[in-house]
Amino acid sequence: MKRVLITGAAGFLGSHLCDRFISEGYKVIGMDNFITGDEDNIAHLFKHENFEFFHHDVTEFVRIDGPLDYILHFASPASPIDYLKIPIQTLKVGSLGTHNLLGLAKAKKARILIASTSEVYGDPLVHPQQEDYYGNVNTIGPRGVYDEAKRFQESITMAYHRFHAVETRIARIFNTYGARMRLNDGRVVPAFFGQILRGENITVFGDGGQTRSFCYVDDQVEGIYRLLLSDYAYPVNIGNPQEITILEFAKEIMKISNASQKIVFKELPKNDPLQRQPDIALAKKVLDWEPKISREVGMQKVFAYFKNLSQEKLFKREHKDFSSHIKR
């Protein structure tokens, strides 16, 4: 039985990856310090014979006894609300955490896949975004703590690949949505649904003309799984190329949920990307992958999930308290 370590296992994508690898017959070792992850996301796995969990911060030395075949590094804040509140931890997990896990991959002769992001492209001057585009990123802006952590993560990963011959894979993940997202994490999909379910007006930043492309979690996980098992060592965009403006998307969400609230406009955050659409030609070629689930179907699924959340979670407006999880 092959063994895989998944960091950020209690997060949105990490928990779904744990489910996928267990269903494929792997021994899964989950790791998380719960700084942004939620124990509820993996509670159903704690008694599973093929799941083992370590409460650990990957910016500290990572030790795993026994053989290890694969590592998926998904430990990182992924929401602007999160990484703007914990900027140092965001930079550390992308740098020190990635370094520790690359060292583990080298020692175990394991293949490692790192979760990069479309944010490496910054506010792009090329549209749609291809993997050979270098990006347009403000290194000292408020979003730089996340963008540059991910760009460094890619650089050190390729250095280990070239210098130490470590088997590496890099997934550039575009906007993904699905069950287990936090309603108050600031990302577009849960933010809109959270406001609708609480009876609040829908907040659109700027004039709503900025675009995003949303990929359902099952499609995303399939792309990541195929990339890990592929022979391709360089970055690959994993996302849905169906682009929509934020204003159009807000109206679409309101229609799905039969909402009657108003749309209100607020100032656009600094360095917020105006366009975001993946070119997935490379993923089609090397992974034989493209998303299958339409936005309409996917949004109906996630709306049903959010409606079934407990009232306590639904009406909890304050942000997650990071203080007990931060090493100072």
C-alpha atoms as a PDB file:
ATOM      1  CA  MET A   1       0.000   0.000   0.000  1.00  0.00           C
ATOM      2  CA  LYS A   2       1.498   3.314  -1.102  1.00  0.00           C
ATOM      3  CA  ARG A   3       1.766   6.082   1.512  1.00  0.00           C
ATOM      4  CA  VAL A   4       1.016   9.745   0.844  1.00  0.00           C
ATOM      5  CA  LEU A   5       1.533  12.745   3.140  1.00  0.00           C
ATOM      6  CA  ILE A   6      -0.984  15.564   2.658  1.00  0.00           C
ATOM      7  CA  THR A   7      -0.209  18.833   4.438  1.00  0.00           C
ATOM      8  CA  GLY A   8      -3.055  21.255   5.045  1.00  0.00           C
ATOM      9  CA  ALA A   9      -5.181  18.117   5.382  1.00  0.00           C
ATOM     10  CA  ALA A  10      -7.917  19.860   7.374  1.00  0.00           C
ATOM     11  CA  GLY A  11      -8.319  22.613   4.809  1.00  0.00           C
ATOM     12  CA  PHE A  12     -10.849  22.842   2.016  1.00  0.00           C
ATOM     13  CA  LEU A  13      -8.825  21.215  -0.771  1.00  0.00           C
ATOM     14  CA  GLY A  14      -6.614  19.159   1.531  1.00  0.00           C
ATOM     15  CA  SER A  15      -9.560  17.336   3.087  1.00  0.00           C
ATOM     16  CA  HIS A  16     -11.015  16.460  -0.305  1.00  0.00           C
ATOM     17  CA  LEU A  17      -7.622  15.132  -1.388  1.00  0.00           C
ATOM     18  CA  CYS A  18      -7.506  12.936   1.735  1.00  0.00           C
ATOM     19  CA  ASP A  19     -10.867  11.470   0.714  1.00  0.00           C
ATOM     20  CA  ARG A  20      -9.716  10.873  -2.858  1.00  0.00           C
ATOM     21  CA  PHE A  21      -6.489   9.108  -1.974  1.00  0.00           C
ATOM     22  CA  ILE A  22      -8.163   6.891   0.602  1.00  0.00           C
ATOM     23  CA  SER A  23     -10.771   5.946  -1.998  1.00  0.00           C
ATOM     24  CA  GLU A  24      -7.901   5.038  -4.357  1.00  0.00           C
ATOM     25  CA  GLY A  25      -6.415   2.642  -1.786  1.00  0.00           C
ATOM     26  CA  TYR A  26      -3.586   4.755  -0.381  1.00  0.00           C
ATOM     27  CA  LYS A  27      -2.417   5.020   3.221  1.00  0.00           C
ATOM     28  CA  VAL A  28      -2.966   8.728   3.927  1.00  0.00           C
ATOM     29  CA  ILE A  29      -0.979  10.695   6.482  1.00  0.00           C
ATOM     30  CA  GLY A  30      -2.686  14.018   7.136  1.00  0.00           C
ATOM     31  CA  MET A  31      -0.875  16.974   8.692  1.00  0.00           C
ATOM     32  CA  ASP A  32      -2.273  20.326   9.811  1.00  0.00           C
ATOM     33  CA  ASN A  33      -1.828  22.865  12.593  1.00  0.00           C
ATOM     34  CA  PHE A  34      -5.451  24.088  12.246  1.00  0.00           C
ATOM     35  CA  ILE A  35      -4.385  27.701  11.772  1.00  0.00           C
ATOM     36  CA  THR A  36      -6.966  27.981   8.982  1.00  0.00           C
ATOM     37  CA  GLY A  37      -8.057  24.344   8.658  1.00  0.00           C
ATOM     38  CA  ASP A  38     -11.040  22.843  10.451  1.00  0.00           C
ATOM     39  CA  GLU A  39     -10.959  19.535  12.311  1.00  0.00           C
ATOM     40  CA  ASP A  40     -14.567  18.940  11.232  1.00  0.00           C
ATOM     41  CA  ASN A  41     -13.371  18.564   7.627  1.00  0.00           C
ATOM     42  CA  ILE A  42     -11.516  15.342   8.450  1.00  0.00           C
ATOM     43  CA  ALA A  43     -13.404  14.103  11.517  1.00  0.00           C
ATOM     44  CA  HIS A  44     -14.998  11.356   9.413  1.00  0.00           C
ATOM     45  CA  LEU A  45     -11.522   9.968   8.666  1.00  0.00           C
ATOM     46  CA  PHE A  46     -10.101   9.682  12.189  1.00  0.00           C
ATOM     47  CA  LYS A  47     -11.320   6.120  12.657  1.00  0.00           C
ATOM     48  CA  HIS A  48     -10.421   4.986   9.144  1.00  0.00           C
ATOM     49  CA  GLU A  49      -7.741   2.291   9.156  1.00  0.00           C
ATOM     50  CA  ASN A  50      -5.868   3.942   6.291  1.00  0.00           C
ATOM     51  CA  PHE A  51      -5.766   7.441   7.776  1.00  0.00           C
ATOM     52  CA  GLU A  52      -3.231   8.795  10.244  1.00  0.00           C
ATOM     53  CA  PHE A  53      -3.087  12.380  11.461  1.00  0.00           C
ATOM     54  CA  PHE A  54      -0.361  14.609  12.896  1.00  0.00           C
ATOM     55  CA  HIS A  55      -1.116  17.992  14.455  1.00  0.00           C
ATOM     56  CA  HIS A  56       2.020  19.792  13.308  1.00  0.00           C
ATOM     57  CA  ASP A  57       3.255  23.075  11.836  1.00  0.00           C
ATOM     58  CA  VAL A  58       5.279  22.316   8.693  1.00  0.00           C
ATOM     59  CA  THR A  59       7.454  25.386   9.227  1.00  0.00           C
ATOM     60  CA  GLU A  60       9.054  23.231  11.934  1.00  0.00           C
ATOM     61  CA  PHE A  61      11.092  20.120  11.043  1.00  0.00           C
ATOM     62  CA  VAL A  62       8.842  17.408   9.578  1.00  0.00           C
ATOM     63  CA  ARG A  63       9.523  13.795  10.484  1.00  0.00           C
ATOM     64  CA  ILE A  64       7.657  10.813   9.087  1.00  0.00           C
ATOM     65  CA  ASP A  65       8.713   7.305  10.055  1.00  0.00           C
ATOM     66  CA  GLY A  66       8.759   4.580   7.443  1.00  0.00           C
ATOM     67  CA  PRO A  67       8.579   4.773   3.659  1.00  0.00           C
ATOM     68  CA  LEU A  68       6.784   7.578   1.858  1.00  0.00           C
ATOM     69  CA  ASP A  69       5.798   7.556  -1.814  1.00  0.00           C
ATOM     70  CA  TYR A  70       4.142  10.927  -2.325  1.00  0.00           C
ATOM     71  CA  ILE A  71       3.830  14.335  -0.653  1.00  0.00           C
ATOM     72  CA  LEU A  72       1.137  16.894  -1.462  1.00  0.00           C
ATOM     73  CA  HIS A  73       1.952  20.273   0.080  1.00  0.00           C
ATOM     74  CA  PHE A  74      -1.343  22.135   0.587  1.00  0.00           C
ATOM     75  CA  ALA A  75      -0.548  23.859   3.889  1.00  0.00           C
ATOM     76  CA  SER A  76      -1.124  27.581   3.386  1.00  0.00           C
ATOM     77  CA  PRO A  77      -3.751  30.251   3.972  1.00  0.00           C
ATOM     78  CA  ALA A  78      -5.589  30.706   0.669  1.00  0.00           C
ATOM     79  CA  SER A  79      -8.029  33.512   1.434  1.00  0.00           C
ATOM     80  CA  PRO A  80      -7.129  37.234   1.407  1.00  0.00           C
ATOM     81  CA  ILE A  81      -8.776  37.645   4.820  1.00  0.00           C
ATOM     82  CA  ASP A  82      -6.516  34.908   6.194  1.00  0.00           C
ATOM     83  CA  TYR A  83      -3.184  35.886   4.703  1.00  0.00           C
ATOM     84  CA  LEU A  84      -3.669  39.594   5.406  1.00  0.00           C
ATOM     85  CA  LYS A  85      -4.219  38.759   9.093  1.00  0.00           C
ATOM     86  CA  ILE A  86      -1.324  36.296   9.330  1.00  0.00           C
ATOM     87  CA  PRO A  87       1.195  37.597   6.759  1.00  0.00           C
ATOM     88  CA  ILE A  88       4.341  36.247   8.453  1.00  0.00           C
ATOM     89  CA  GLN A  89       2.887  32.751   8.813  1.00  0.00           C
ATOM     90  CA  THR A  90       1.819  32.870   5.166  1.00  0.00           C
ATOM     91  CA  LEU A  91       5.356  33.684   4.061  1.00  0.00           C
ATOM     92  CA  LYS A  92       6.854  31.052   6.368  1.00  0.00           C
ATOM     93  CA  VAL A  93       4.675  28.181   5.197  1.00  0.00           C
ATOM     94  CA  GLY A  94       5.500  28.982   1.575  1.00  0.00           C
ATOM     95  CA  SER A  95       9.229  29.216   2.243  1.00  0.00           C
ATOM     96  CA  LEU A  96      10.301  27.317   5.376  1.00  0.00           C
ATOM     97  CA  GLY A  97       7.448  24.834   5.091  1.00  0.00           C
ATOM     98  CA  THR A  98       8.188  24.083   1.449  1.00  0.00           C
ATOM     99  CA  HIS A  99      11.903  23.746   2.220  1.00  0.00           C
ATOM    100  CA  ASN A 100      11.188  21.237   4.985  1.00  0.00           C
ATOM    101  CA  LEU A 101       8.935  19.143   2.778  1.00  0.00           C
ATOM    102  CA  LEU A 102      11.318  19.181  -0.171  1.00  0.00           C
ATOM    103  CA  GLY A 103      14.005  17.953   2.216  1.00  0.00           C
ATOM    104  CA  LEU A 104      11.673  15.175   3.335  1.00  0.00           C
ATOM    105  CA  ALA A 105      10.925  14.262  -0.278  1.00  0.00           C
ATOM    106  CA  LYS A 106      14.644  14.080  -1.015  1.00  0.00           C
ATOM    107  CA  ALA A 107      15.339  11.907   2.043  1.00  0.00           C
ATOM    108  CA  LYS A 108      12.422   9.546   1.322  1.00  0.00           C
ATOM    109  CA  LYS A 109      12.877   9.582  -2.457  1.00  0.00           C
ATOM    110  CA  ALA A 110       9.234  10.606  -2.634  1.00  0.00           C
ATOM    111  CA  ARG A 111       7.503  12.541  -5.399  1.00  0.00           C
ATOM    112  CA  ILE A 112       6.182  15.911  -4.194  1.00  0.00           C
ATOM    113  CA  LEU A 113       3.374  18.045  -5.598  1.00  0.00           C
ATOM    114  CA  ILE A 114       3.107  21.622  -4.372  1.00  0.00           C
ATOM    115  CA  ALA A 115      -0.089  23.670  -4.471  1.00  0.00           C
ATOM    116  CA  SER A 116       0.769  26.872  -6.262  1.00  0.00           C
ATOM    117  CA  THR A 117      -1.841  29.374  -7.371  1.00  0.00           C
ATOM    118  CA  SER A 118      -3.062  31.573 -10.177  1.00  0.00           C
ATOM    119  CA  GLU A 119      -1.937  34.464  -7.953  1.00  0.00           C
ATOM    120  CA  VAL A 120       1.622  33.945  -9.241  1.00  0.00           C
ATOM    121  CA  TYR A 121       0.342  35.778 -12.334  1.00  0.00           C
ATOM    122  CA  GLY A 122      -0.667  38.785 -10.211  1.00  0.00           C
ATOM    123  CA  ASP A 123      -2.840  41.305 -12.061  1.00  0.00           C
ATOM    124  CA  PRO A 124      -2.079  39.777 -15.467  1.00  0.00           C
ATOM    125  CA  LEU A 125      -1.190  41.679 -18.613  1.00  0.00           C
ATOM    126  CA  VAL A 126      -1.709  38.490 -20.646  1.00  0.00           C
ATOM    127  CA  HIS A 127      -5.158  36.947 -21.050  1.00  0.00           C
ATOM    128  CA  PRO A 128      -5.941  34.109 -20.652  1.00  0.00           C
ATOM    129  CA  GLN A 129      -2.984  33.130 -18.481  1.00  0.00           C
ATOM    130  CA  GLN A 130      -0.553  30.524 -19.832  1.00  0.00           C
ATOM    131  CA  GLU A 131       2.114  28.739 -17.800  1.00  0.00           C
ATOM    132  CA  ASP A 132       4.934  30.548 -19.642  1.00  0.00           C
ATOM    133  CA  TYR A 133       3.656  33.977 -18.522  1.00  0.00           C
ATOM    134  CA  TYR A 134       5.889  35.394 -15.759  1.00  0.00           C
ATOM    135  CA  GLY A 135       3.230  37.534 -14.098  1.00  0.00           C
ATOM    136  CA  ASN A 136       2.666  41.090 -12.926  1.00  0.00           C
ATOM    137  CA  VAL A 137       3.033  41.044  -9.136  1.00  0.00           C
ATOM    138  CA  ASN A 138       3.535  43.864  -6.624  1.00  0.00           C
ATOM    139  CA  THR A 139       6.133  42.353  -4.286  1.00  0.00           C
ATOM    140  CA  ILE A 140       5.559  44.916  -1.519  1.00  0.00           C
ATOM    141  CA  GLY A 141       1.786  45.258  -1.785  1.00  0.00           C
ATOM    142  CA  PRO A 142      -0.576  43.750   0.793  1.00  0.00           C
ATOM    143  CA  ARG A 143      -1.195  40.668  -1.382  1.00  0.00           C
ATOM    144  CA  GLY A 144       2.547  40.155  -1.893  1.00  0.00           C
ATOM    145  CA  VAL A 145       2.830  37.984   1.227  1.00  0.00           C
ATOM    146  CA  TYR A 146       0.786  35.299  -0.521  1.00  0.00           C
ATOM    147  CA  ASP A 147       1.816  35.903  -4.136  1.00  0.00           C
ATOM    148  CA  GLU A 148       5.537  35.956  -3.398  1.00  0.00           C
ATOM    149  CA  ALA A 149       5.348  33.006  -0.994  1.00  0.00           C
ATOM    150  CA  LYS A 150       3.909  30.961  -3.847  1.00  0.00           C
ATOM    151  CA  ARG A 151       6.390  32.279  -6.413  1.00  0.00           C
ATOM    152  CA  PHE A 152       9.277  31.421  -4.078  1.00  0.00           C
ATOM    153  CA  GLN A 153       7.678  28.029  -3.483  1.00  0.00           C
ATOM    154  CA  GLU A 154       7.803  27.319  -7.208  1.00  0.00           C
ATOM    155  CA  SER A 155      11.419  28.487  -7.439  1.00  0.00           C
ATOM    156  CA  ILE A 156      12.755  26.350  -4.603  1.00  0.00           C
ATOM    157  CA  THR A 157      10.765  23.376  -5.876  1.00  0.00           C
ATOM    158  CA  MET A 158      12.405  23.634  -9.296  1.00  0.00           C
ATOM    159  CA  ALA A 159      15.828  24.101  -7.645  1.00  0.00           C
ATOM    160  CA  TYR A 160      15.364  20.803  -5.771  1.00  0.00           C
ATOM    161  CA  HIS A 161      14.216  19.189  -9.012  1.00  0.00           C
ATOM    162  CA  ARG A 162      17.238  20.377 -10.975  1.00  0.00           C
ATOM    163  CA  PHE A 163      19.955  20.178  -8.308  1.00  0.00           C
ATOM    164  CA  HIS A 164      18.813  17.175  -6.229  1.00  0.00           C
ATOM    165  CA  ALA A 165      16.780  15.331  -8.918  1.00  0.00           C
ATOM    166  CA  VAL A 166      13.692  15.339  -6.676  1.00  0.00           C
ATOM    167  CA  GLU A 167      10.526  14.331  -8.538  1.00  0.00           C
ATOM    168  CA  THR A 168       8.374  17.459  -8.422  1.00  0.00           C
ATOM    169  CA  ARG A 169       4.955  18.525  -9.653  1.00  0.00           C
ATOM    170  CA  ILE A 170       3.500  22.068  -9.522  1.00  0.00           C
ATOM    171  CA  ALA A 171      -0.256  22.714  -9.686  1.00  0.00           C
ATOM    172  CA  ARG A 172      -1.245  26.317 -10.400  1.00  0.00           C
ATOM    173  CA  ILE A 173      -4.716  26.280  -8.898  1.00  0.00           C
ATOM    174  CA  PHE A 174      -7.361  28.738 -10.085  1.00  0.00           C
ATOM    175  CA  ASN A 175     -10.506  29.693  -8.123  1.00  0.00           C
ATOM    176  CA  THR A 176     -12.043  26.504  -6.747  1.00  0.00           C
ATOM    177  CA  TYR A 177     -15.257  26.065  -4.787  1.00  0.00           C
ATOM    178  CA  GLY A 178     -17.237  23.334  -3.071  1.00  0.00           C
ATOM    179  CA  ALA A 179     -18.247  21.836   0.261  1.00  0.00           C
ATOM    180  CA  ARG A 180     -16.092  22.585   3.346  1.00  0.00           C
ATOM    181  CA  MET A 181     -15.276  26.165   2.427  1.00  0.00           C
ATOM    182  CA  ARG A 182     -15.680  28.593   5.329  1.00  0.00           C
ATOM    183  CA  LEU A 183     -18.567  30.990   4.830  1.00  0.00           C
ATOM    184  CA  ASN A 184     -16.541  33.831   6.332  1.00  0.00           C
ATOM    185  CA  ASP A 185     -13.187  33.239   4.632  1.00  0.00           C
ATOM    186  CA  GLY A 186     -13.546  36.134   2.188  1.00  0.00           C
ATOM    187  CA  ARG A 187     -13.425  34.185  -1.075  1.00  0.00           C
ATOM    188  CA  VAL A 188     -16.071  35.065  -3.632  1.00  0.00           C
ATOM    189  CA  VAL A 189     -18.311  31.981  -3.581  1.00  0.00           C
ATOM    190  CA  PRO A 190     -18.724  31.548   0.207  1.00  0.00           C
ATOM    191  CA  ALA A 191     -18.855  35.331   0.685  1.00  0.00           C
ATOM    192  CA  PHE A 192     -21.834  35.694  -1.669  1.00  0.00           C
ATOM    193  CA  PHE A 193     -23.691  32.659  -0.328  1.00  0.00           C
ATOM    194  CA  GLY A 194     -22.994  33.688   3.274  1.00  0.00           C
ATOM    195  CA  GLN A 195     -24.468  37.133   2.689  1.00  0.00           C
ATOM    196  CA  ILE A 196     -27.519  35.648   0.976  1.00  0.00           C
ATOM    197  CA  LEU A 197     -28.183  33.144   3.749  1.00  0.00           C
ATOM    198  CA  ARG A 198     -27.796  35.820   6.426  1.00  0.00           C
ATOM    199  CA  GLY A 199     -30.166  38.163   4.596  1.00  0.00           C
ATOM    200  CA  GLU A 200     -27.452  40.747   3.912  1.00  0.00           C
ATOM    201  CA  ASN A 201     -26.911  42.789   0.764  1.00  0.00           C
ATOM    202  CA  ILE A 202     -24.431  41.348  -1.750  1.00  0.00           C
ATOM    203  CA  THR A 203     -21.071  43.141  -1.736  1.00  0.00           C
ATOM    204  CA  VAL A 204     -19.355  43.640  -5.096  1.00  0.00           C
ATOM    205  CA  PHE A 205     -15.977  45.371  -5.162  1.00  0.00           C
ATOM    206  CA  GLY A 206     -15.204  47.965  -7.800  1.00  0.00           C
ATOM    207  CA  ASP A 207     -17.723  48.069 -10.636  1.00  0.00           C
ATOM    208  CA  GLY A 208     -17.896  44.267 -10.765  1.00  0.00           C
ATOM    209  CA  GLY A 209     -16.215  44.185 -14.170  1.00  0.00           C
ATOM    210  CA  GLN A 210     -13.275  42.116 -12.927  1.00  0.00           C
ATOM    211  CA  THR A 211     -13.435  38.470 -14.000  1.00  0.00           C
ATOM    212  CA  ARG A 212     -12.934  35.096 -12.349  1.00  0.00           C
ATOM    213  CA  SER A 213     -13.178  31.471 -13.478  1.00  0.00           C
ATOM    214  CA  PHE A 214     -14.608  28.966 -10.991  1.00  0.00           C
ATOM    215  CA  CYS A 215     -13.721  25.261 -10.852  1.00  0.00           C
ATOM    216  CA  TYR A 216     -15.765  22.731  -8.875  1.00  0.00           C
ATOM    217  CA  VAL A 217     -13.741  20.872  -6.260  1.00  0.00           C
ATOM    218  CA  ASP A 218     -14.252  17.391  -7.765  1.00  0.00           C
ATOM    219  CA  ASP A 219     -12.790  18.579 -11.073  1.00  0.00           C
ATOM    220  CA  GLN A 220      -9.896  20.265  -9.279  1.00  0.00           C
ATOM    221  CA  VAL A 221      -9.054  17.133  -7.283  1.00  0.00           C
ATOM    222  CA  GLU A 222      -9.130  15.026 -10.446  1.00  0.00           C
ATOM    223  CA  GLY A 223      -6.681  17.400 -12.132  1.00  0.00           C
ATOM    224  CA  ILE A 224      -4.334  17.368  -9.135  1.00  0.00           C
ATOM    225  CA  TYR A 225      -4.485  13.571  -8.920  1.00  0.00           C
ATOM    226  CA  ARG A 226      -3.608  13.200 -12.599  1.00  0.00           C
ATOM    227  CA  LEU A 227      -0.778  15.724 -12.318  1.00  0.00           C
ATOM    228  CA  LEU A 228       0.788  13.886  -9.375  1.00  0.00           C
ATOM    229  CA  LEU A 229       0.825  10.629 -11.315  1.00  0.00           C
ATOM    230  CA  SER A 230       2.018  12.228 -14.555  1.00  0.00           C
ATOM    231  CA  ASP A 231       5.586  12.566 -15.825  1.00  0.00           C
ATOM    232  CA  TYR A 232       5.421  16.372 -16.052  1.00  0.00           C
ATOM    233  CA  ALA A 233       7.640  18.337 -13.637  1.00  0.00           C
ATOM    234  CA  TYR A 234       6.750  21.933 -14.537  1.00  0.00           C
ATOM    235  CA  PRO A 235       3.777  24.136 -13.578  1.00  0.00           C
ATOM    236  CA  VAL A 236       0.348  23.222 -14.930  1.00  0.00           C
ATOM    237  CA  ASN A 237      -2.781  25.388 -14.715  1.00  0.00           C
ATOM    238  CA  ILE A 238      -5.667  23.523 -13.087  1.00  0.00           C
ATOM    239  CA  GLY A 239      -8.892  25.482 -13.345  1.00  0.00           C
ATOM    240  CA  ASN A 240     -12.076  26.080 -15.295  1.00  0.00           C
ATOM    241  CA  PRO A 241     -11.600  28.415 -18.288  1.00  0.00           C
ATOM    242  CA  GLN A 242     -15.240  29.554 -18.279  1.00  0.00           C
ATOM    243  CA  GLU A 243     -14.836  33.239 -17.392  1.00  0.00           C
ATOM    244  CA  ILE A 244     -17.486  35.492 -15.831  1.00  0.00           C
ATOM    245  CA  THR A 245     -17.520  39.013 -14.404  1.00  0.00           C
ATOM    246  CA  ILE A 246     -18.069  39.326 -10.668  1.00  0.00           C
ATOM    247  CA  LEU A 247     -21.222  41.390 -11.217  1.00  0.00           C
ATOM    248  CA  GLU A 248     -22.671  38.759 -13.558  1.00  0.00           C
ATOM    249  CA  PHE A 249     -21.691  36.086 -11.087  1.00  0.00           C
ATOM    250  CA  ALA A 250     -23.437  37.891  -8.213  1.00  0.00           C
ATOM    251  CA  LYS A 251     -26.635  38.016 -10.274  1.00  0.00           C
ATOM    252  CA  GLU A 252     -26.250  34.339 -11.155  1.00  0.00           C
ATOM    253  CA  ILE A 253     -25.847  33.385  -7.485  1.00  0.00           C
ATOM    254  CA  MET A 254     -28.918  35.420  -6.549  1.00  0.00           C
ATOM    255  CA  LYS A 255     -30.933  33.603  -9.197  1.00  0.00           C
ATOM    256  CA  ILE A 256     -29.768  30.166  -7.996  1.00  0.00           C
ATOM    257  CA  SER A 257     -30.672  31.005  -4.398  1.00  0.00           C
ATOM    258  CA  ASN A 258     -33.866  32.998  -5.156  1.00  0.00           C
ATOM    259  CA  ALA A 259     -32.368  35.935  -3.238  1.00  0.00           C
ATOM    260  CA  SER A 260     -34.084  39.311  -3.109  1.00  0.00           C
ATOM    261  CA  GLN A 261     -31.285  41.403  -1.567  1.00  0.00           C
ATOM    262  CA  LYS A 262     -29.629  44.332  -3.264  1.00  0.00           C
ATOM    263  CA  ILE A 263     -26.130  44.455  -4.734  1.00  0.00           C
ATOM    264  CA  VAL A 264     -23.956  47.137  -3.120  1.00  0.00           C
ATOM    265  CA  PHE A 265     -20.610  48.323  -4.439  1.00  0.00           C
ATOM    266  CA  LYS A 266     -17.440  48.962  -2.433  1.00  0.00           C
ATOM    267  CA  GLU A 267     -13.941  50.140  -3.283  1.00  0.00           C
ATOM    268  CA  LEU A 268     -11.771  47.585  -5.076  1.00  0.00           C
ATOM    269  CA  PRO A 269      -8.941  46.275  -2.848  1.00  0.00           C
ATOM    270  CA  LYS A 270      -5.393  47.196  -3.827  1.00  0.00           C
ATOM    271  CA  ASN A 271      -3.822  44.943  -6.480  1.00  0.00           C
ATOM    272  CA  ASP A 272      -6.992  42.875  -6.838  1.00  0.00           C
ATOM    273  CA  PRO A 273      -6.606  41.090 -10.217  1.00  0.00           C
ATOM    274  CA  LEU A 274      -8.891  42.480 -12.906  1.00  0.00           C
ATOM    275  CA  GLN A 275      -8.814  39.325 -15.030  1.00  0.00           C
ATOM    276  CA  ARG A 276      -8.445  35.685 -14.132  1.00  0.00           C
ATOM    277  CA  GLN A 277      -8.871  32.900 -16.693  1.00  0.00           C
ATOM    278  CA  PRO A 278      -6.668  29.830 -17.086  1.00  0.00           C
ATOM    279  CA  ASP A 279      -5.385  28.576 -20.393  1.00  0.00           C
ATOM    280  CA  ILE A 280      -5.670  24.803 -19.836  1.00  0.00           C
ATOM    281  CA  ALA A 281      -4.229  23.623 -23.159  1.00  0.00           C
ATOM    282  CA  LEU A 282      -1.247  22.127 -21.314  1.00  0.00           C
ATOM    283  CA  ALA A 283      -3.472  20.244 -18.843  1.00  0.00           C
ATOM    284  CA  LYS A 284      -5.473  18.843 -21.751  1.00  0.00           C
ATOM    285  CA  LYS A 285      -2.282  17.730 -23.487  1.00  0.00           C
ATOM    286  CA  VAL A 286      -0.245  16.205 -20.645  1.00  0.00           C
ATOM    287  CA  LEU A 287      -3.040  15.154 -18.254  1.00  0.00           C
ATOM    288  CA  ASP A 288      -5.938  14.527 -20.651  1.00  0.00           C
ATOM    289  CA  TRP A 289      -7.902  16.668 -18.207  1.00  0.00           C
ATOM    290  CA  GLU A 290     -10.531  19.370 -18.403  1.00  0.00           C
ATOM    291  CA  PRO A 291     -13.376  20.270 -16.015  1.00  0.00           C
ATOM    292  CA  LYS A 292     -16.630  18.357 -16.435  1.00  0.00           C
ATOM    293  CA  ILE A 293     -19.007  20.004 -13.955  1.00  0.00           C
ATOM    294  CA  SER A 294     -20.762  23.163 -15.138  1.00  0.00           C
ATOM    295  CA  ARG A 295     -20.849  26.245 -12.938  1.00  0.00           C
ATOM    296  CA  GLU A 296     -24.642  26.043 -12.706  1.00  0.00           C
ATOM    297  CA  VAL A 297     -24.587  22.461 -11.422  1.00  0.00           C
ATOM    298  CA  GLY A 298     -21.623  23.059  -9.114  1.00  0.00           C
ATOM    299  CA  MET A 299     -23.128  26.185  -7.566  1.00  0.00           C
ATOM    300  CA  GLN A 300     -26.385  24.399  -6.865  1.00  0.00           C
ATOM    301  CA  LYS A 301     -24.424  21.679  -5.062  1.00  0.00           C
ATOM    302  CA  VAL A 302     -22.476  24.119  -2.902  1.00  0.00           C
ATOM    303  CA  PHE A 303     -25.563  26.219  -2.130  1.00  0.00           C
ATOM    304  CA  ALA A 304     -27.306  23.086  -0.848  1.00  0.00           C
ATOM    305  CA  TYR A 305     -24.244  22.399   1.327  1.00  0.00           C
ATOM    306  CA  PHE A 306     -24.212  25.894   2.821  1.00  0.00           C
ATOM    307  CA  LYS A 307     -27.959  25.808   3.499  1.00  0.00           C
ATOM    308  CA  ASN A 308     -27.463  22.673   5.587  1.00  0.00           C
ATOM    309  CA  LEU A 309     -24.800  24.222   7.816  1.00  0.00           C
ATOM    310  CA  SER A 310     -25.670  24.682  11.454  1.00  0.00           C
ATOM    311  CA  GLN A 311     -27.095  28.043  12.481  1.00  0.00           C
ATOM    312  CA  GLU A 312     -24.043  28.584  14.663  1.00  0.00           C
ATOM    313  CA  LYS A 313     -21.722  28.409  11.669  1.00  0.00           C
ATOM    314  CA  LEU A 314     -24.055  30.308   9.397  1.00  0.00           C
ATOM    315  CA  PHE A 315     -24.395  33.335  11.640  1.00  0.00           C
ATOM    316  CA  LYS A 316     -20.837  33.404  12.959  1.00  0.00           C
ATOM    317  CA  ARG A 317     -19.659  36.670  11.418  1.00  0.00           C
ATOM    318  CA  GLU A 318     -16.410  37.127  13.294  1.00  0.00           C
ATOM    319  CA  HIS A 319     -13.252  35.765  11.703  1.00  0.00           C
ATOM    320  CA  LYS A 320     -11.386  32.695  12.863  1.00  0.00           C
ATOM    321  CA  ASP A 321      -9.153  33.328  15.884  1.00  0.00           C
ATOM    322  CA  PHE A 322      -5.594  32.472  14.852  1.00  0.00           C
ATOM    323  CA  SER A 323      -3.907  33.346  18.148  1.00  0.00           C
ATOM    324  CA  SER A 324      -3.806  29.892  19.721  1.00  0.00           C
ATOM    325  CA  HIS A 325      -2.172  28.361  16.613  1.00  0.00           C
ATOM    326  CA  ILE A 326       0.599  30.885  15.961  1.00  0.00           C
ATOM    327  CA  LYS A 327       4.166  30.214  17.043  1.00  0.00           C
ATOM    328  CA  ARG A 328       5.722  33.558  17.821  1.00  0.00           C
END
